[in-house]
Amino acid sequence: MLVAKNYFGDESTETENNNEELQQATEEDDTSYNDDVSNTDEDDDTDDESSTVSDDGITVNITDDSTAPIENNHSYGGYTTAEIKDVNEIKVTVADTKTPIVVLFGPPACGKTMTLVRLSRWLIENGYSVSPEKNFRDSQDTKYRMMCENFNEMVDSDKAAESTNDFMLLRVFKNGSPICQLLEAPGEHYFMDSKSKGGNEYPRYINKIINLKVRKVWLIILEPDWKNDQDRREYVGKINRLVKKNKNKDSFILLYNKIDEKQELIIRQGVVNMPQALYDLKNNYSCIINPFRNDTPIVKWLKPYNCDFIPFSTGTYNSTNDGDTYYEVGDDKYPQRLWEKIMKKVRG
């Protein structure tokens, strides 16, 4: 099989399609970019670390017939009452500021948690140690504490519903040496109304993560036929603004999740027609890779875009009559290739 230099500047042996197909799949219409991506000029680079909490009394329902006043030292479903009142009160702690962080970025229900679970299972099976960072969230977050304590059971579970996270920070080791950190945050916090976040694009804790000096790899999770065209255009605009906020040493991977739902793109088990998968991504998300354009002279001819692209599948899912959802892990080639992409970015 021929080895062809792919559109993002690395080598691929996953398909027998020639370079002409790949070039056709990646042609861009530069003149339409500003019209296609909505709200891309509304970038807010001010990461305001201050917040204002109203003094108005707020109550939360404890039972059907009782209420309790909001107090900072109580926790409901993982969040403190102060965090329920104001998302900007959410606190996270990244103690290791030297080991690169892989941030899973995407809307709710796009597959962030199961991607994390599938990759963790593959890493453990291949000689890596994966452990949750218990101090990422405050000790009052009992849900996070419980997930940390039951992490191994969660990774081994075949019950997809038991593998749903709000927050998770994992540390990956090889032979006792740290390799990277894997971070998941609630997708709702990436896509909330800016008014609920003090007028900023993201809550304070996400801005804190963006501003960390440590090398970051943003794993942008997308899926075929997600919602409607306007939602996808707004997502592209959000990605564009995220790229503008990040530092030069940060990097991006576009993960096209649930690729198994597009059987016409599958050549055989674990092998995807890469040019056609990229073409399908571009058709679903207009101008998705334009924010990653490489403007560096000479280099741009070898690698037109500063991002990687990878199709992915966690496995197959089945729902039972009692409402549970079980999954069977997919082909190992998917997490293996994803890890190879991550390692390339982590090493720089």
Protein backbone atom coordinates (compact mmCIF):
# COMPACT_ATOMS: atom_id res chain seq x y z
CA MET A 1 0.00 0.00 0.00
CA LEU A 2 1.32 3.42 -0.90
CA VAL A 3 2.10 5.91 1.87
CA ALA A 4 0.62 9.31 0.97
CA LYS A 5 1.27 12.64 2.68
CA ASN A 6 -2.14 13.66 3.93
CA TYR A 7 -3.81 17.04 4.06
CA PHE A 8 -2.59 17.87 7.56
CA GLY A 9 1.06 17.08 6.87
CA ASP A 10 1.43 13.60 8.39
CA GLU A 11 1.58 10.16 6.82
CA SER A 12 -1.39 7.84 6.44
CA THR A 13 -1.66 4.25 5.25
CA GLU A 14 -5.31 3.88 6.15
CA THR A 15 -6.71 4.20 2.63
CA GLU A 16 -5.76 3.43 -0.93
CA ASN A 17 -7.25 6.64 -2.29
CA ASN A 18 -4.76 8.73 -4.18
CA ASN A 19 -3.57 12.28 -3.51
CA GLU A 20 -5.97 13.75 -6.03
CA GLU A 21 -8.95 12.55 -3.98
CA LEU A 22 -7.41 13.99 -0.86
CA GLN A 23 -6.79 17.37 -2.47
CA GLN A 24 -10.37 17.44 -3.80
CA ALA A 25 -11.68 16.67 -0.31
CA THR A 26 -9.83 19.63 1.16
CA GLU A 27 -10.32 22.52 -1.25
CA GLU A 28 -11.47 25.69 0.55
CA ASP A 29 -13.63 28.57 -0.53
CA ASP A 30 -11.81 31.44 1.18
CA THR A 31 -14.22 34.08 0.01
CA SER A 32 -17.18 32.47 1.77
CA TYR A 33 -15.57 32.04 5.14
CA ASN A 34 -16.77 35.25 6.78
CA ASP A 35 -20.30 34.66 5.53
CA ASP A 36 -20.45 30.99 6.52
CA VAL A 37 -19.18 31.17 10.08
CA SER A 38 -21.60 33.00 12.31
CA ASN A 39 -20.40 35.36 15.01
CA THR A 40 -16.68 34.70 14.44
CA ASP A 41 -15.88 38.39 14.85
CA GLU A 42 -17.35 38.45 18.35
CA ASP A 43 -14.18 37.15 20.00
CA ASP A 44 -13.85 38.17 23.61
CA ASP A 45 -10.23 37.94 24.68
CA THR A 46 -10.82 39.40 28.13
CA ASP A 47 -10.77 36.58 30.62
CA ASP A 48 -12.35 38.43 33.53
CA GLU A 49 -11.34 36.77 36.75
CA SER A 50 -13.90 38.78 38.76
CA SER A 51 -17.54 37.90 39.31
CA THR A 52 -20.55 39.51 40.98
CA VAL A 53 -22.87 37.41 43.09
CA SER A 54 -26.32 38.78 43.75
CA ASP A 55 -27.44 39.22 47.35
CA ASP A 56 -30.98 38.15 46.48
CA GLY A 57 -32.25 35.16 48.42
CA ILE A 58 -32.37 31.98 46.31
CA THR A 59 -33.80 28.65 47.35
CA VAL A 60 -33.31 25.11 46.04
CA ASN A 61 -35.85 22.32 46.32
CA ILE A 62 -34.84 19.62 48.78
CA THR A 63 -38.13 17.73 48.80
CA ASP A 64 -41.49 18.32 47.19
CA ASP A 65 -42.70 20.36 50.16
CA SER A 66 -39.58 22.05 51.55
CA THR A 67 -36.90 24.55 50.53
CA ALA A 68 -33.55 25.61 51.92
CA PRO A 69 -31.57 28.83 51.53
CA ILE A 70 -28.46 28.83 49.38
CA GLU A 71 -25.34 28.43 51.51
CA ASN A 72 -21.75 28.16 50.27
CA ASN A 73 -20.95 25.06 52.33
CA HIS A 74 -23.61 22.72 50.97
CA SER A 75 -23.42 20.44 47.93
CA TYR A 76 -26.22 19.31 45.63
CA GLY A 77 -25.46 16.69 42.96
CA GLY A 78 -21.74 17.51 42.94
CA TYR A 79 -22.01 21.32 42.85
CA THR A 80 -21.92 23.55 45.90
CA THR A 81 -24.92 25.79 46.39
CA ALA A 82 -22.78 28.81 45.48
CA GLU A 83 -21.87 27.09 42.18
CA ILE A 84 -25.53 26.38 41.48
CA LYS A 85 -26.28 30.04 42.03
CA ASP A 86 -23.44 31.27 39.79
CA VAL A 87 -21.42 29.13 37.36
CA ASN A 88 -18.51 31.55 37.81
CA GLU A 89 -18.18 30.28 41.38
CA ILE A 90 -17.07 26.83 40.15
CA LYS A 91 -13.56 26.08 41.37
CA VAL A 92 -11.06 23.65 39.83
CA THR A 93 -7.41 23.05 40.70
CA VAL A 94 -4.76 21.87 38.25
CA ALA A 95 -1.86 21.06 40.56
CA ASP A 96 0.47 19.72 37.85
CA THR A 97 1.28 22.74 35.67
CA LYS A 98 4.14 21.08 33.78
CA THR A 99 2.57 17.96 32.25
CA PRO A 100 0.62 18.69 29.03
CA ILE A 101 -3.17 18.65 29.25
CA VAL A 102 -5.51 17.14 26.65
CA VAL A 103 -8.84 18.99 26.90
CA LEU A 104 -11.94 17.27 25.53
CA PHE A 105 -14.06 20.05 24.02
CA GLY A 106 -17.59 19.62 22.73
CA PRO A 107 -21.33 20.07 23.34
CA PRO A 108 -23.39 17.87 25.67
CA ALA A 109 -23.93 14.26 24.56
CA CYS A 110 -21.26 14.40 21.83
CA GLY A 111 -19.38 11.46 23.37
CA LYS A 112 -16.71 13.14 25.53
CA THR A 113 -17.14 10.81 28.49
CA MET A 114 -17.20 7.61 26.47
CA THR A 115 -14.21 8.78 24.42
CA LEU A 116 -12.36 9.28 27.70
CA VAL A 117 -13.49 5.87 28.97
CA ARG A 118 -12.55 4.06 25.74
CA LEU A 119 -9.12 5.69 25.54
CA SER A 120 -8.44 5.00 29.23
CA ARG A 121 -9.33 1.34 28.82
CA TRP A 122 -6.99 1.01 25.84
CA LEU A 123 -4.15 2.79 27.68
CA ILE A 124 -4.47 0.51 30.72
CA GLU A 125 -4.51 -2.56 28.49
CA ASN A 126 -1.31 -1.36 26.81
CA GLY A 127 0.85 -0.80 29.86
CA TYR A 128 -0.05 2.75 30.88
CA SER A 129 -1.28 3.81 34.30
CA VAL A 130 -4.33 6.08 34.36
CA SER A 131 -5.42 7.64 37.64
CA PRO A 132 -7.92 10.39 38.51
CA GLU A 133 -6.67 13.60 40.16
CA LYS A 134 -8.78 13.75 43.30
CA ASN A 135 -7.92 17.36 44.13
CA PHE A 136 -9.17 18.75 40.82
CA ARG A 137 -12.49 19.52 42.49
CA ASP A 138 -13.19 20.65 46.04
CA SER A 139 -13.75 17.92 48.62
CA GLN A 140 -17.39 19.06 48.91
CA ASP A 141 -18.00 17.70 45.41
CA THR A 142 -19.01 14.25 46.61
CA LYS A 143 -20.00 13.13 43.12
CA TYR A 144 -16.51 13.80 41.80
CA ARG A 145 -14.95 12.04 44.80
CA MET A 146 -17.15 9.02 44.18
CA MET A 147 -16.22 8.89 40.48
CA CYS A 148 -12.52 9.03 41.41
CA GLU A 149 -12.93 6.19 43.89
CA ASN A 150 -14.88 4.08 41.37
CA PHE A 151 -12.79 5.02 38.33
CA ASN A 152 -11.60 1.50 37.52
CA GLU A 153 -15.11 0.12 37.75
CA MET A 154 -16.35 2.92 35.48
CA VAL A 155 -13.70 2.17 32.85
CA ASP A 156 -14.46 -1.57 32.93
CA SER A 157 -18.21 -1.11 32.95
CA ASP A 158 -20.21 -2.24 29.93
CA LYS A 159 -23.08 -0.05 31.08
CA ALA A 160 -22.77 3.24 29.20
CA ALA A 161 -25.09 5.09 31.59
CA GLU A 162 -22.65 4.44 34.45
CA SER A 163 -19.89 6.24 32.57
CA THR A 164 -21.23 9.79 32.54
CA ASN A 165 -19.10 12.54 34.08
CA ASP A 166 -19.50 16.20 34.98
CA PHE A 167 -15.80 16.72 35.64
CA MET A 168 -12.80 14.44 35.35
CA LEU A 169 -9.05 15.05 35.34
CA LEU A 170 -6.93 11.99 34.66
CA ARG A 171 -3.16 11.62 34.80
CA VAL A 172 -1.47 9.19 32.41
CA PHE A 173 1.85 7.57 33.38
CA LYS A 174 4.29 5.22 31.67
CA ASN A 175 6.86 3.44 33.82
CA GLY A 176 6.22 5.96 36.60
CA SER A 177 6.75 9.03 34.41
CA PRO A 178 3.85 11.42 33.65
CA ILE A 179 2.90 11.56 29.96
CA CYS A 180 -0.14 13.85 29.88
CA GLN A 181 -3.36 14.78 31.65
CA LEU A 182 -6.85 14.17 30.22
CA LEU A 183 -9.50 16.73 31.16
CA GLU A 184 -13.25 16.62 30.72
CA ALA A 185 -15.67 19.35 31.78
CA PRO A 186 -19.46 19.58 31.31
CA GLY A 187 -20.35 20.38 27.69
CA GLU A 188 -23.10 22.66 28.95
CA HIS A 189 -20.46 25.06 30.26
CA TYR A 190 -18.94 25.44 26.78
CA PHE A 191 -22.31 26.29 25.27
CA MET A 192 -24.16 28.33 27.89
CA ASP A 193 -25.67 31.75 27.26
CA SER A 194 -22.94 34.36 27.84
CA LYS A 195 -25.26 36.30 30.18
CA SER A 196 -25.16 33.42 32.65
CA LYS A 197 -21.36 33.63 32.64
CA GLY A 198 -20.99 37.31 33.36
CA GLY A 199 -20.94 38.29 29.70
CA ASN A 200 -17.93 36.12 28.80
CA GLU A 201 -17.67 33.23 26.36
CA TYR A 202 -16.91 30.73 29.13
CA PRO A 203 -17.15 30.46 32.92
CA ARG A 204 -14.13 31.58 34.94
CA TYR A 205 -12.76 28.08 35.49
CA ILE A 206 -12.64 27.38 31.73
CA ASN A 207 -10.88 30.70 31.13
CA LYS A 208 -8.44 29.62 33.83
CA ILE A 209 -7.73 26.40 31.91
CA ILE A 210 -7.33 28.30 28.63
CA ASN A 211 -4.79 30.63 30.26
CA LEU A 212 -2.66 27.89 31.84
CA LYS A 213 0.94 28.14 30.62
CA VAL A 214 1.22 24.37 30.28
CA ARG A 215 1.04 22.90 26.76
CA LYS A 216 -2.54 22.04 25.86
CA VAL A 217 -3.99 19.78 23.20
CA TRP A 218 -7.62 20.60 22.41
CA LEU A 219 -9.55 17.53 21.30
CA ILE A 220 -12.48 19.05 19.39
CA ILE A 221 -15.24 16.45 19.28
CA LEU A 222 -17.68 16.57 16.37
CA GLU A 223 -20.19 14.06 15.10
CA PRO A 224 -21.96 13.48 11.77
CA ASP A 225 -25.35 15.13 11.23
CA TRP A 226 -25.32 16.89 14.62
CA LYS A 227 -28.47 18.94 15.20
CA ASN A 228 -29.20 21.40 12.37
CA ASP A 229 -27.11 23.55 10.04
CA GLN A 230 -27.36 26.71 12.14
CA ASP A 231 -26.21 24.84 15.29
CA ARG A 232 -23.21 23.47 13.40
CA ARG A 233 -22.31 26.91 12.04
CA GLU A 234 -22.45 28.36 15.55
CA TYR A 235 -20.22 25.53 16.79
CA VAL A 236 -17.69 26.35 14.05
CA GLY A 237 -17.79 29.99 15.15
CA LYS A 238 -17.15 28.94 18.75
CA ILE A 239 -14.18 26.83 17.66
CA ASN A 240 -12.81 29.77 15.70
CA ARG A 241 -12.93 32.00 18.78
CA LEU A 242 -11.35 29.28 20.91
CA VAL A 243 -8.42 29.07 18.47
CA LYS A 244 -7.89 32.82 18.74
CA LYS A 245 -7.76 32.61 22.54
CA ASN A 246 -5.09 29.94 22.69
CA LYS A 247 -1.33 30.30 22.81
CA ASN A 248 0.98 29.33 19.97
CA LYS A 249 2.25 26.19 21.70
CA ASP A 250 -1.29 24.83 22.04
CA SER A 251 -2.54 22.46 19.35
CA PHE A 252 -5.79 20.98 18.06
CA ILE A 253 -7.16 17.63 16.93
CA LEU A 254 -10.51 17.37 15.14
CA LEU A 255 -12.08 14.11 16.27
CA TYR A 256 -14.95 12.95 14.05
CA ASN A 257 -16.80 10.78 16.54
CA LYS A 258 -19.39 8.04 15.92
CA ILE A 259 -17.88 7.36 12.50
CA ASP A 260 -19.46 3.90 12.62
CA GLU A 261 -22.80 5.62 12.00
CA LYS A 262 -21.50 6.47 8.49
CA GLN A 263 -21.00 2.97 7.17
CA GLU A 264 -20.38 4.28 3.66
CA LEU A 265 -17.07 5.70 4.96
CA ILE A 266 -15.88 2.39 6.44
CA ILE A 267 -13.58 0.31 4.21
CA ARG A 268 -13.36 -2.58 6.68
CA GLN A 269 -13.34 -3.01 10.44
CA GLY A 270 -11.25 -0.22 11.97
CA VAL A 271 -10.26 1.23 8.59
CA VAL A 272 -11.85 4.46 7.37
CA ASN A 273 -11.71 6.16 3.99
CA MET A 274 -9.86 9.21 5.30
CA PRO A 275 -10.36 11.60 2.36
CA GLN A 276 -14.08 10.88 2.24
CA ALA A 277 -14.40 11.19 6.02
CA LEU A 278 -12.75 14.60 5.85
CA TYR A 279 -15.00 15.57 2.95
CA ASP A 280 -18.04 14.50 5.01
CA LEU A 281 -16.82 16.56 7.98
CA LYS A 282 -16.43 19.64 5.79
CA ASN A 283 -19.89 19.17 4.33
CA ASN A 284 -21.42 18.92 7.80
CA TYR A 285 -19.39 21.77 9.34
CA SER A 286 -18.79 24.47 6.74
CA CYS A 287 -15.33 26.07 7.00
CA ILE A 288 -14.45 23.94 10.01
CA ILE A 289 -10.72 23.84 9.32
CA ASN A 290 -10.28 27.43 8.16
CA PRO A 291 -9.37 28.70 11.66
CA PHE A 292 -6.34 26.41 11.57
CA ARG A 293 -4.88 27.82 8.36
CA ASN A 294 -1.07 27.84 8.39
CA ASP A 295 0.22 31.25 7.31
CA THR A 296 3.89 30.48 7.87
CA PRO A 297 5.80 30.88 4.56
CA ILE A 298 7.19 27.70 2.99
CA VAL A 299 5.80 25.53 5.81
CA LYS A 300 2.23 26.16 4.65
CA TRP A 301 2.99 24.36 1.40
CA LEU A 302 3.88 21.21 3.31
CA LYS A 303 1.18 21.54 5.96
CA PRO A 304 -1.63 23.94 5.01
CA TYR A 305 -3.43 23.58 8.36
CA ASN A 306 -2.23 23.47 11.98
CA CYS A 307 -4.49 20.69 13.17
CA ASP A 308 -4.91 16.95 12.89
CA PHE A 309 -8.00 15.04 11.85
CA ILE A 310 -9.04 11.59 13.03
CA PRO A 311 -12.27 9.56 12.74
CA PHE A 312 -13.21 7.72 15.92
CA SER A 313 -15.62 5.17 17.33
CA THR A 314 -15.98 4.02 20.93
CA GLY A 315 -18.04 0.96 20.02
CA THR A 316 -21.61 -0.19 19.55
CA TYR A 317 -24.53 0.55 21.87
CA ASN A 318 -27.69 -1.36 22.70
CA SER A 319 -30.64 -0.32 24.87
CA THR A 320 -32.53 -2.84 26.96
CA ASN A 321 -36.24 -2.88 27.68
CA ASP A 322 -35.64 -1.62 31.22
CA GLY A 323 -33.94 1.53 29.92
CA ASP A 324 -30.28 0.63 30.43
CA THR A 325 -27.72 1.15 27.68
CA TYR A 326 -24.82 -1.27 27.19
CA TYR A 327 -21.88 -0.95 24.88
CA GLU A 328 -19.31 -3.23 23.30
CA VAL A 329 -15.90 -1.70 22.72
CA GLY A 330 -14.98 -0.97 19.12
CA ASP A 331 -11.84 -1.83 17.21
CA ASP A 332 -8.57 -1.06 19.02
CA LYS A 333 -7.32 0.81 15.95
CA TYR A 334 -9.45 3.83 16.90
CA PRO A 335 -7.95 4.55 20.36
CA GLN A 336 -4.51 3.50 19.13
CA ARG A 337 -4.54 6.08 16.31
CA LEU A 338 -6.01 8.72 18.60
CA TRP A 339 -3.23 8.14 21.12
CA GLU A 340 -0.60 8.40 18.37
CA LYS A 341 -2.06 11.79 17.38
CA ILE A 342 -2.11 12.94 21.00
CA MET A 343 1.49 11.85 21.59
CA LYS A 344 2.65 13.76 18.51
CA LYS A 345 1.02 16.91 19.85
CA VAL A 346 2.18 16.39 23.44
CA ARG A 347 5.80 16.01 22.37
CA GLY A 348 5.57 19.12 20.17
